[in-house]
Amino acid sequence: MTDAPTSARVDAWLWAVRVYKTRSAATTACRAGHVRVNGDRAKAAQPVRPGDELRVRVQGFDRILVVKKTIAKRVGAALVAESVDDRTPPPPPRGSVPFVPVRDRGAGRPTKRDRRDIEKLRGRDGE
């Protein structure tokens, strides 16, 4: 594999490094605007080169990936690790994410007691 290509399609590269399970899922993500190359929205056929930074929205969270090596076909996990530099920050700890109270569907309007409890949870006591 000394003849590594200098560029690859964004959708093919994302599929090859296992960000998406299928190439069509990667293409759909590009069309939906979930993929950015160096800060700009990417089309599926846009070429990526070593050094490009990709921001990919997967399951509601952004992953920051830097292209080290371009590949167009799926390869083993060891070659994937050589091809991508994952700079995604770790997720926030569970305790720091505020709790959002959720009412059961069909429970109707909250009673005065429920409303007061919700306000207390949100830290907006009327006192």
Protein backbone atom coordinates (compact mmCIF):
# COMPACT_ATOMS: atom_id res chain seq x y z
CA MET A 1 0.00 0.00 0.00
CA THR A 2 2.67 2.49 -0.91
CA ASP A 3 0.36 4.13 -3.46
CA ALA A 4 -1.95 5.80 -0.96
CA PRO A 5 -4.33 8.25 -2.65
CA THR A 6 -3.77 11.93 -1.85
CA SER A 7 -7.49 12.57 -1.40
CA ALA A 8 -10.71 10.65 -0.84
CA ARG A 9 -14.41 11.45 -0.86
CA VAL A 10 -15.78 12.59 2.50
CA ASP A 11 -18.55 9.99 2.60
CA ALA A 12 -16.18 7.15 1.63
CA TRP A 13 -13.60 8.23 4.21
CA LEU A 14 -16.18 8.47 7.02
CA TRP A 15 -17.43 5.01 6.12
CA ALA A 16 -13.88 3.62 5.87
CA VAL A 17 -12.92 4.89 9.35
CA ARG A 18 -16.17 3.49 10.79
CA VAL A 19 -17.91 6.70 11.79
CA TYR A 20 -20.99 5.48 9.88
CA LYS A 21 -22.00 1.87 9.30
CA THR A 22 -22.79 2.34 5.62
CA ARG A 23 -21.58 4.67 2.93
CA SER A 24 -25.15 5.66 2.16
CA ALA A 25 -25.58 6.73 5.82
CA ALA A 26 -22.47 8.90 5.46
CA THR A 27 -23.87 10.39 2.23
CA THR A 28 -27.18 11.13 3.94
CA ALA A 29 -25.38 12.84 6.82
CA CYS A 30 -23.48 15.03 4.35
CA ARG A 31 -26.71 16.00 2.59
CA ALA A 32 -28.34 16.84 5.93
CA GLY A 33 -25.46 19.18 6.83
CA HIS A 34 -24.08 17.06 9.68
CA VAL A 35 -20.56 17.00 8.23
CA ARG A 36 -18.23 20.02 8.12
CA VAL A 37 -14.76 20.04 6.58
CA ASN A 38 -12.53 22.83 7.92
CA GLY A 39 -15.64 24.68 9.14
CA ASP A 40 -17.62 24.54 5.88
CA ARG A 41 -20.57 22.27 5.11
CA ALA A 42 -19.42 19.34 3.04
CA LYS A 43 -21.06 17.61 0.11
CA ALA A 44 -20.60 13.85 -0.14
CA ALA A 45 -18.14 14.04 -3.03
CA GLN A 46 -15.92 16.72 -1.48
CA PRO A 47 -12.33 15.50 -1.25
CA VAL A 48 -10.52 15.31 2.08
CA ARG A 49 -6.75 15.40 2.42
CA PRO A 50 -4.40 14.73 5.32
CA GLY A 51 -4.61 17.56 7.82
CA ASP A 52 -8.29 18.40 7.20
CA GLU A 53 -10.50 18.76 10.28
CA LEU A 54 -13.96 17.19 10.14
CA ARG A 55 -16.80 17.95 12.54
CA VAL A 56 -19.33 15.16 12.35
CA ARG A 57 -22.66 15.11 14.20
CA VAL A 58 -23.37 11.56 15.33
CA GLN A 59 -26.31 10.75 17.64
CA GLY A 60 -26.71 14.40 18.64
CA PHE A 61 -23.06 15.00 19.55
CA ASP A 62 -20.23 16.50 17.50
CA ARG A 63 -17.10 14.46 16.91
CA ILE A 64 -13.93 16.28 15.87
CA LEU A 65 -11.76 14.17 13.58
CA VAL A 66 -8.49 15.07 11.85
CA VAL A 67 -7.50 13.19 8.70
CA LYS A 68 -4.03 11.65 9.07
CA LYS A 69 -4.20 9.37 6.04
CA THR A 70 -6.76 9.06 3.27
CA ILE A 71 -8.40 5.69 2.73
CA ALA A 72 -11.35 4.85 0.51
CA LYS A 73 -12.06 1.23 1.46
CA ARG A 74 -12.86 -0.31 4.81
CA VAL A 75 -9.75 -1.61 6.52
CA GLY A 76 -8.84 -3.22 9.83
CA ALA A 77 -9.07 -1.38 13.13
CA ALA A 78 -5.29 -0.91 13.34
CA LEU A 79 -5.19 0.96 10.00
CA VAL A 80 -8.21 3.03 11.04
CA ALA A 81 -6.31 4.20 14.13
CA GLU A 82 -3.43 5.30 11.87
CA SER A 83 -5.81 7.16 9.53
CA VAL A 84 -7.73 9.31 12.00
CA ASP A 85 -6.92 11.53 14.98
CA ASP A 86 -9.99 11.83 17.25
CA ARG A 87 -9.92 15.19 19.04
CA THR A 88 -13.44 14.97 20.45
CA PRO A 89 -13.57 16.35 24.01
CA PRO A 90 -14.85 13.92 26.65
CA PRO A 91 -18.56 14.18 27.47
CA PRO A 92 -19.51 16.18 30.57
CA PRO A 93 -19.97 14.18 33.77
CA ARG A 94 -23.52 13.08 34.46
CA GLY A 95 -23.81 15.21 37.58
CA SER A 96 -23.14 18.47 35.74
CA VAL A 97 -26.00 17.99 33.26
CA PRO A 98 -29.17 19.53 34.74
CA PHE A 99 -32.17 17.30 35.26
CA VAL A 100 -35.18 18.23 33.16
CA PRO A 101 -38.45 17.00 34.64
CA VAL A 102 -40.64 15.14 32.16
CA ARG A 103 -44.35 14.61 32.61
CA ASP A 104 -46.02 11.46 31.41
CA ARG A 105 -47.84 11.80 28.13
CA GLY A 106 -51.56 12.26 28.64
CA ALA A 107 -51.17 13.37 32.25
CA GLY A 108 -52.96 16.64 31.48
CA ARG A 109 -52.06 20.04 32.79
CA PRO A 110 -49.89 20.22 35.89
CA THR A 111 -51.69 20.93 39.13
CA LYS A 112 -50.68 23.85 41.30
CA ARG A 113 -48.69 21.45 43.46
CA ASP A 114 -46.93 19.98 40.39
CA ARG A 115 -46.13 23.47 39.11
CA ARG A 116 -44.62 24.46 42.45
CA ASP A 117 -42.52 21.29 42.51
CA ILE A 118 -41.29 21.98 38.97
CA GLU A 119 -40.40 25.56 39.87
CA LYS A 120 -38.51 24.31 42.93
CA LEU A 121 -36.53 21.85 40.79
CA ARG A 122 -35.63 24.58 38.34
CA GLY A 123 -34.46 26.80 41.17
CA ARG A 124 -37.10 29.47 40.59
CA ASP A 125 -38.74 29.51 43.97
CA GLY A 126 -41.22 32.32 44.32
CA GLU A 127 -39.85 33.00 47.78
